[in-house]
Protein backbone atom coordinates (compact mmCIF):
# COMPACT_ATOMS: atom_id res chain seq x y z
CA MET A 1 -16.15 8.42 15.92
CA ASN A 2 -19.42 6.44 16.20
CA LYS A 3 -20.50 3.59 13.73
CA ASN A 4 -24.07 2.17 14.61
CA PHE A 5 -25.20 -1.17 12.81
CA ILE A 6 -28.72 -3.31 13.64
CA VAL A 7 -27.99 -7.33 13.72
CA ASN A 8 -29.95 -8.65 10.53
CA GLU A 9 -28.73 -12.46 11.50
CA ALA A 10 -27.34 -14.24 14.11
CA ASN A 11 -23.30 -14.41 14.22
CA ARG A 12 -20.26 -14.19 16.64
CA LEU A 13 -19.77 -10.19 17.76
CA ASP A 14 -15.75 -10.61 16.47
CA LYS A 15 -16.96 -12.19 13.14
CA TYR A 16 -20.22 -9.64 12.51
CA LEU A 17 -17.65 -6.61 12.77
CA ALA A 18 -14.86 -8.06 10.67
CA LEU A 19 -17.92 -7.98 7.83
CA ASN A 20 -18.88 -4.35 8.78
CA ILE A 21 -15.68 -2.21 9.54
CA ASP A 22 -12.39 -2.25 7.86
CA ALA A 23 -10.27 -3.67 10.40
CA SER A 24 -8.00 -6.73 10.78
CA ARG A 25 -8.66 -9.31 13.03
CA ASN A 26 -6.53 -8.62 15.81
CA GLN A 27 -7.79 -4.81 15.54
CA ILE A 28 -11.03 -6.02 16.09
CA GLU A 29 -10.38 -8.23 18.87
CA GLN A 30 -8.54 -4.95 20.53
CA LEU A 31 -11.53 -2.57 19.80
CA ILE A 32 -13.84 -5.14 21.76
CA LYS A 33 -11.39 -6.04 24.82
CA LYS A 34 -10.64 -3.01 25.50
CA GLY A 35 -14.28 -1.89 25.75
CA PHE A 36 -15.03 0.40 22.86
CA VAL A 37 -18.28 -1.76 21.85
CA THR A 38 -21.58 -2.26 22.97
CA VAL A 39 -24.24 -4.57 22.38
CA ASP A 40 -27.91 -3.42 23.12
CA GLY A 41 -26.19 -0.25 25.32
CA LYS A 42 -24.47 -2.72 27.25
CA LYS A 43 -20.48 -2.53 26.92
CA SER A 44 -19.10 -6.40 25.56
CA THR A 45 -15.54 -7.29 25.86
CA LYS A 46 -16.36 -10.93 25.04
CA THR A 47 -15.45 -11.31 21.18
CA GLY A 48 -17.47 -14.52 20.60
CA LEU A 49 -20.44 -13.41 21.92
CA LYS A 50 -23.08 -14.96 20.40
CA LEU A 51 -25.35 -12.04 18.35
CA LYS A 52 -29.44 -12.16 17.73
CA GLU A 53 -31.20 -11.07 15.18
CA ASN A 54 -32.06 -6.77 15.67
CA GLN A 55 -29.88 -6.61 18.29
CA GLU A 56 -28.05 -2.81 18.20
CA ILE A 57 -24.48 -2.77 18.13
CA ASN A 58 -22.26 0.47 18.66
CA VAL A 59 -18.45 1.02 17.86
CA ASP A 60 -16.87 4.13 19.22
CA PHE A 61 -13.17 4.20 17.87
CA PRO A 62 -10.69 5.85 20.09
CA GLU A 63 -10.37 9.46 19.14
CA THR A 64 -7.37 10.60 16.51
CA GLN A 65 -4.41 11.14 18.97
CA ILE A 66 -0.55 11.93 18.20
CA ASN A 67 0.94 8.71 20.33
CA PRO A 68 4.67 9.11 22.09
CA ILE A 69 7.31 8.53 19.41
CA LYS A 70 10.79 6.81 19.83
CA ASP A 71 14.01 7.82 20.99
CA GLU A 72 14.59 11.39 19.13
CA GLU A 73 18.12 10.58 18.49
CA PHE A 74 17.59 6.92 17.37
CA VAL A 75 14.87 8.01 14.76
CA ASN A 76 16.97 11.04 13.26
CA ALA A 77 19.86 8.50 12.70
CA SER A 78 17.61 5.85 11.59
CA LEU A 79 15.79 8.33 8.81
CA GLU A 80 19.03 10.11 8.04
CA GLY A 81 19.30 9.78 4.51
CA LYS A 82 15.62 8.82 3.73
CA ASP A 83 13.90 11.24 2.70
CA VAL A 84 10.16 11.48 3.16
CA LYS A 85 8.84 14.51 0.43
CA ILE A 86 5.27 15.76 1.16
CA ILE A 87 3.17 15.97 -2.34
CA TYR A 88 0.08 17.25 -0.83
CA GLU A 89 -1.70 18.26 2.50
CA ASP A 90 -4.84 19.35 4.36
CA GLU A 91 -7.06 18.72 7.36
CA ASP A 92 -8.00 15.29 6.27
CA ILE A 93 -4.87 13.84 4.27
CA LEU A 94 -1.22 13.60 3.60
CA VAL A 95 0.22 12.40 0.33
CA ILE A 96 4.11 11.94 0.47
CA ASN A 97 6.67 10.38 -1.53
CA LYS A 98 8.01 7.41 0.04
CA PRO A 99 12.09 6.58 -0.06
CA TYR A 100 13.23 3.02 -0.96
CA ASN A 101 14.58 1.45 2.35
CA LEU A 102 12.03 3.15 4.67
CA THR A 103 9.64 0.84 6.19
CA VAL A 104 5.71 1.99 6.66
CA HIS A 105 4.83 0.52 10.10
CA ASP A 106 6.58 -1.57 12.57
CA ALA A 107 6.24 -5.66 13.03
CA PRO A 108 8.43 -7.72 15.32
CA SER A 109 11.55 -7.95 12.07
CA VAL A 110 12.07 -4.02 11.77
CA LYS A 111 14.62 -2.33 13.94
CA ASP A 112 14.62 0.86 12.29
CA ALA A 113 12.68 3.85 12.65
CA THR A 114 9.52 3.91 10.59
CA LEU A 115 7.32 5.95 8.44
CA VAL A 116 4.97 5.92 11.11
CA ASP A 117 7.95 7.11 13.41
CA TRP A 118 8.48 9.88 11.31
CA LEU A 119 4.74 11.19 10.67
CA LYS A 120 4.64 11.16 14.83
CA GLN A 121 7.85 13.30 14.99
CA LYS A 122 6.27 15.68 12.37
CA ASN A 123 3.76 15.94 14.82
CA ILE A 124 1.02 15.27 12.51
CA SER A 125 -2.17 14.11 13.52
CA LEU A 126 -3.16 10.74 12.46
CA SER A 127 -6.17 8.55 12.71
CA THR A 128 -6.61 5.65 14.89
CA ILE A 129 -8.28 3.00 13.32
CA SER A 130 -5.53 0.95 12.34
CA GLY A 131 -3.86 0.38 15.95
CA GLU A 132 -1.02 1.68 17.31
CA GLU A 133 1.82 0.72 14.98
CA ARG A 134 -0.23 1.64 12.26
CA HIS A 135 -1.46 5.11 12.95
CA GLY A 136 -2.55 6.72 9.51
CA ILE A 137 -1.62 3.79 7.06
CA VAL A 138 -4.45 3.09 4.81
CA HIS A 139 -2.59 1.59 2.45
CA ARG A 140 1.37 0.37 2.48
CA LEU A 141 4.65 0.00 0.28
CA ASP A 142 6.91 -2.92 0.39
CA LYS A 143 10.12 -1.36 2.42
CA GLY A 144 11.69 -1.95 -1.20
CA THR A 145 9.27 0.42 -2.70
CA SER A 146 9.30 3.86 -3.38
CA GLY A 147 6.57 6.21 -4.64
CA VAL A 148 2.91 7.66 -3.69
CA MET A 149 0.70 6.92 -0.62
CA VAL A 150 -1.89 8.85 1.12
CA VAL A 151 -1.96 8.93 4.94
CA ALA A 152 -5.37 9.42 6.71
CA LYS A 153 -5.15 12.25 9.32
CA ASN A 154 -8.65 11.52 11.03
CA ASN A 155 -10.92 8.40 11.23
CA LYS A 156 -13.50 9.69 9.11
CA SER A 157 -10.85 9.78 6.31
CA HIS A 158 -9.15 6.62 6.98
CA GLU A 159 -12.54 4.89 6.73
CA LYS A 160 -13.63 6.74 3.85
CA LEU A 161 -10.40 5.90 1.85
CA SER A 162 -10.53 2.13 2.65
CA GLU A 163 -13.93 2.18 1.11
CA GLN A 164 -12.21 3.60 -1.77
CA LEU A 165 -9.91 0.48 -1.93
CA GLN A 166 -12.52 -2.09 -1.43
CA ASP A 167 -14.53 -0.63 -4.51
CA LYS A 168 -11.04 0.36 -6.79
CA THR A 169 -12.11 4.37 -6.63
CA MET A 170 -8.76 4.44 -5.31
CA GLY A 171 -5.39 3.14 -6.58
CA ARG A 172 -1.91 3.53 -7.82
CA TYR A 173 -0.13 2.99 -11.28
CA TYR A 174 3.38 1.80 -10.58
CA LEU A 175 6.92 2.05 -12.66
CA ALA A 176 9.27 -0.49 -13.28
CA LEU A 177 12.29 -1.70 -14.62
CA ILE A 178 12.48 -4.95 -15.79
CA ASP A 179 15.30 -7.34 -17.46
CA LEU A 180 13.97 -8.78 -20.66
CA PRO A 181 10.91 -6.68 -22.66
CA LEU A 182 7.15 -8.02 -22.36
CA LYS A 183 5.93 -9.47 -25.43
CA ASP A 184 2.61 -7.64 -25.05
CA ASP A 185 0.85 -5.84 -22.90
CA ILE A 186 -0.67 -8.88 -20.20
CA ILE A 187 -2.95 -9.22 -17.45
CA ILE A 188 -1.96 -11.73 -15.06
CA ASP A 189 -4.62 -13.04 -12.85
CA LYS A 190 -2.79 -16.05 -10.89
CA PRO A 191 -3.22 -16.76 -6.75
CA ILE A 192 -0.35 -16.03 -4.58
CA ALA A 193 0.43 -17.17 -1.20
CA ARG A 194 3.44 -17.57 1.06
CA ASN A 195 6.49 -19.82 -0.63
CA PRO A 196 6.44 -23.21 0.90
CA ASN A 197 9.78 -23.04 0.75
CA ASN A 198 10.83 -19.69 1.71
CA ARG A 199 9.28 -18.00 4.06
CA LEU A 200 10.81 -14.71 3.02
CA LYS A 201 9.20 -14.88 -0.36
CA MET A 202 5.33 -15.32 -2.26
CA SER A 203 4.80 -17.69 -5.15
CA ILE A 204 2.21 -18.88 -7.31
CA GLN A 205 -0.04 -21.45 -5.37
CA GLU A 206 -3.22 -23.21 -6.47
CA ASN A 207 -4.45 -22.48 -3.08
CA GLY A 208 -3.34 -19.04 -2.69
CA ARG A 209 -5.51 -15.81 -2.38
CA ASN A 210 -7.10 -14.51 -5.85
CA ALA A 211 -4.38 -11.96 -7.17
CA LYS A 212 -4.54 -10.12 -10.61
CA SER A 213 -2.32 -7.46 -12.20
CA ALA A 214 -1.72 -5.16 -15.74
CA PHE A 215 1.30 -4.76 -16.92
CA ILE A 216 2.04 -2.44 -20.24
CA LYS A 217 5.03 -2.27 -22.36
CA LEU A 218 6.19 2.03 -22.30
CA ASN A 219 9.57 2.25 -23.67
CA THR A 220 12.49 -0.17 -24.12
CA SER A 221 16.26 0.47 -23.68
CA ASN A 222 18.72 1.48 -26.60
CA ASN A 223 20.56 -1.55 -26.33
CA GLU A 224 16.69 -3.47 -26.14
CA LYS A 225 18.33 -5.64 -22.66
CA PHE A 226 15.87 -3.51 -20.32
CA GLU A 227 12.10 -2.40 -20.74
CA LEU A 228 10.23 0.64 -18.69
CA ILE A 229 6.60 -1.23 -17.93
CA GLY A 230 3.63 0.58 -16.00
CA ALA A 231 1.84 -1.59 -13.95
CA LYS A 232 -1.75 -1.63 -12.02
CA LEU A 233 -3.04 -3.95 -9.40
CA PHE A 234 -6.85 -5.13 -9.07
CA THR A 235 -5.81 -6.86 -5.68
CA GLY A 236 -3.05 -5.97 -2.85
CA ARG A 237 -1.20 -9.27 -2.62
CA THR A 238 2.06 -8.70 -0.96
CA HIS A 239 4.95 -8.50 -3.29
CA GLN A 240 2.15 -9.09 -6.21
CA ILE A 241 3.98 -7.18 -9.03
CA ARG A 242 7.37 -8.78 -8.70
CA VAL A 243 5.28 -12.61 -8.17
CA HIS A 244 3.54 -12.16 -11.01
CA LEU A 245 6.41 -10.91 -13.03
CA ASN A 246 8.42 -13.97 -12.02
CA SER A 247 5.71 -15.99 -12.91
CA ILE A 248 6.41 -14.94 -16.65
CA ASN A 249 10.20 -15.05 -16.31
CA ARG A 250 10.63 -11.46 -16.33
CA HIS A 251 12.28 -9.79 -12.81
CA ILE A 252 12.71 -6.31 -11.57
CA LEU A 253 16.22 -5.04 -11.89
CA GLY A 254 17.75 -5.48 -8.72
CA ASP A 255 14.92 -7.83 -7.24
CA ASN A 256 17.60 -10.62 -6.08
CA LEU A 257 14.71 -12.27 -3.74
CA TYR A 258 12.79 -13.11 -6.99
CA ASP A 259 15.47 -13.96 -9.13
CA PHE A 260 16.61 -11.31 -10.86
CA LYS A 261 20.29 -12.08 -12.23
CA GLY A 262 22.54 -10.11 -14.10
CA GLU A 263 25.84 -7.97 -14.41
CA LEU A 264 23.91 -4.60 -12.96
CA ASN A 265 24.89 -6.39 -9.32
CA LYS A 266 25.87 -2.84 -8.33
CA ILE A 267 21.81 -1.73 -8.07
CA ASN A 268 21.53 -1.74 -4.38
CA ARG A 269 17.71 -2.15 -4.55
CA PHE A 270 14.80 -3.20 -6.74
CA TYR A 271 13.53 -0.41 -9.47
CA LEU A 272 9.84 -0.63 -8.45
CA HIS A 273 8.21 3.04 -8.01
CA ALA A 274 4.53 3.70 -7.24
CA TYR A 275 4.31 6.79 -9.57
CA ASN A 276 0.42 7.96 -9.52
CA LEU A 277 -2.24 7.65 -6.96
CA TYR A 278 -6.06 8.42 -7.64
CA LEU A 279 -8.46 9.08 -5.18
CA ILE A 280 -11.66 10.93 -4.18
CA HIS A 281 -10.84 13.44 -1.49
CA PRO A 282 -13.34 12.04 1.59
CA THR A 283 -14.36 15.06 2.88
CA THR A 284 -14.95 17.06 -0.55
CA ASN A 285 -15.56 14.07 -2.83
CA LYS A 286 -13.03 15.66 -5.75
CA GLN A 287 -11.41 13.18 -8.01
CA MET A 288 -7.58 13.81 -7.09
CA ASN A 289 -4.80 12.34 -8.81
CA PHE A 290 -1.10 12.75 -7.41
CA GLN A 291 2.43 12.03 -8.96
CA ALA A 292 5.38 10.85 -7.23
CA ASP A 293 8.80 12.21 -8.89
CA LEU A 294 11.11 9.72 -10.01
CA PRO A 295 13.85 8.87 -7.35
CA ASP A 296 17.46 10.04 -8.38
CA ASP A 297 18.92 6.10 -8.78
CA ILE A 298 16.20 5.14 -11.47
CA ASN A 299 16.19 8.54 -13.11
CA ASN A 300 19.78 7.82 -13.52
CA PHE A 301 19.43 4.57 -15.10
CA LEU A 302 16.86 5.82 -17.63
CA GLU A 303 19.10 8.69 -18.52
CA LYS A 304 21.83 6.50 -18.62
CA TYR A 305 19.83 3.38 -20.64
CA PHE A 306 16.78 4.83 -22.65
CA ASP A 307 15.95 8.10 -24.75
CA ILE A 308 14.88 10.20 -21.76
CA LYS A 309 12.79 12.45 -23.70
CA GLU A 310 10.72 9.38 -24.91
CA VAL A 311 10.55 8.23 -21.40
CA TYR A 312 8.88 11.13 -20.15
CA GLU A 313 6.18 11.33 -22.76
CA GLN A 314 5.28 7.58 -22.17
CA ILE A 315 5.13 8.09 -18.70
CA CYS A 316 2.65 11.59 -18.49
CA THR A 317 -0.11 10.96 -16.31
CA ASN A 318 -2.47 11.41 -19.41
CA ASN A 319 -0.74 8.99 -21.72
CA ILE A 320 -0.66 6.10 -18.43
CA LEU A 321 -4.17 6.55 -17.90
CA ARG A 322 -5.27 6.23 -21.70
CA ARG A 323 -3.19 3.15 -21.78
CA PHE A 324 -4.47 1.52 -19.12
CA ASN A 325 -8.10 2.76 -19.61
CA SER A 326 -8.09 1.44 -23.12
CA PHE A 327 -6.12 -1.81 -21.94
CA THR A 328 -8.14 -3.04 -18.74
């Protein structure tokens, strides 16, 4: 896939591309250094090249490919018990229900097989825009969060879905179980940055990146201790839902990193689930909506502590859409 640009004002090559394509600084640097970028028809491998007005830039993205997978025995052992369910698939996109305890893509700290390894093992064609370790990944979920994700199977789809993330025509609604009911539906608009005292955590920081979340009350437990809530993100910061809830002294059940404390010490993960995904299909332009069934542990908890019939009435897609549309 090629993309062409005409420079409208002087700038550095890497900075210009950062403004015009959806890729990280490192990905842009690799595109330039590996010879995928030309300036006025000449290959440029210098990231700091000074551009002049009216110069022509061409980016020739690597072709979609299936990369070698890790040792099959290791991947199989690591993925045991982590059931990735396919919700929808065609030539352009794959929509899945990711289990909790599965990391989406590799990073220096990741020791186990990832969702990307699973995709490669299944010989699923993947986009390459996001680099070697993130093939196909348009958006992500934390390792401990379950739920719906879309994977791009080619670069054209990846680019269009990334544009939808930016203009908010693609997004997700989450369900979470918290340890104290909300007083009312609420929008939290507080900046988030790395916690200076604990590098594993994020926190509300005045100099952080802007972050905005909406939360709605869905159903309170029979003993009135817990509440099932819906969440919608207007920005995509790391741990955003967890941090914003913690800022109002609410905690997702099982989220020990963000100060959950209580009698439910047998919960081995935090109860946060990406429930609903909406997007526009990158080829057909059709509006699509996907729902990821609740995992067994969350469903079992709801059956034990809530009126399950009322819960399912509240979490039907039409009701969630109506509630958020009227609130936000």
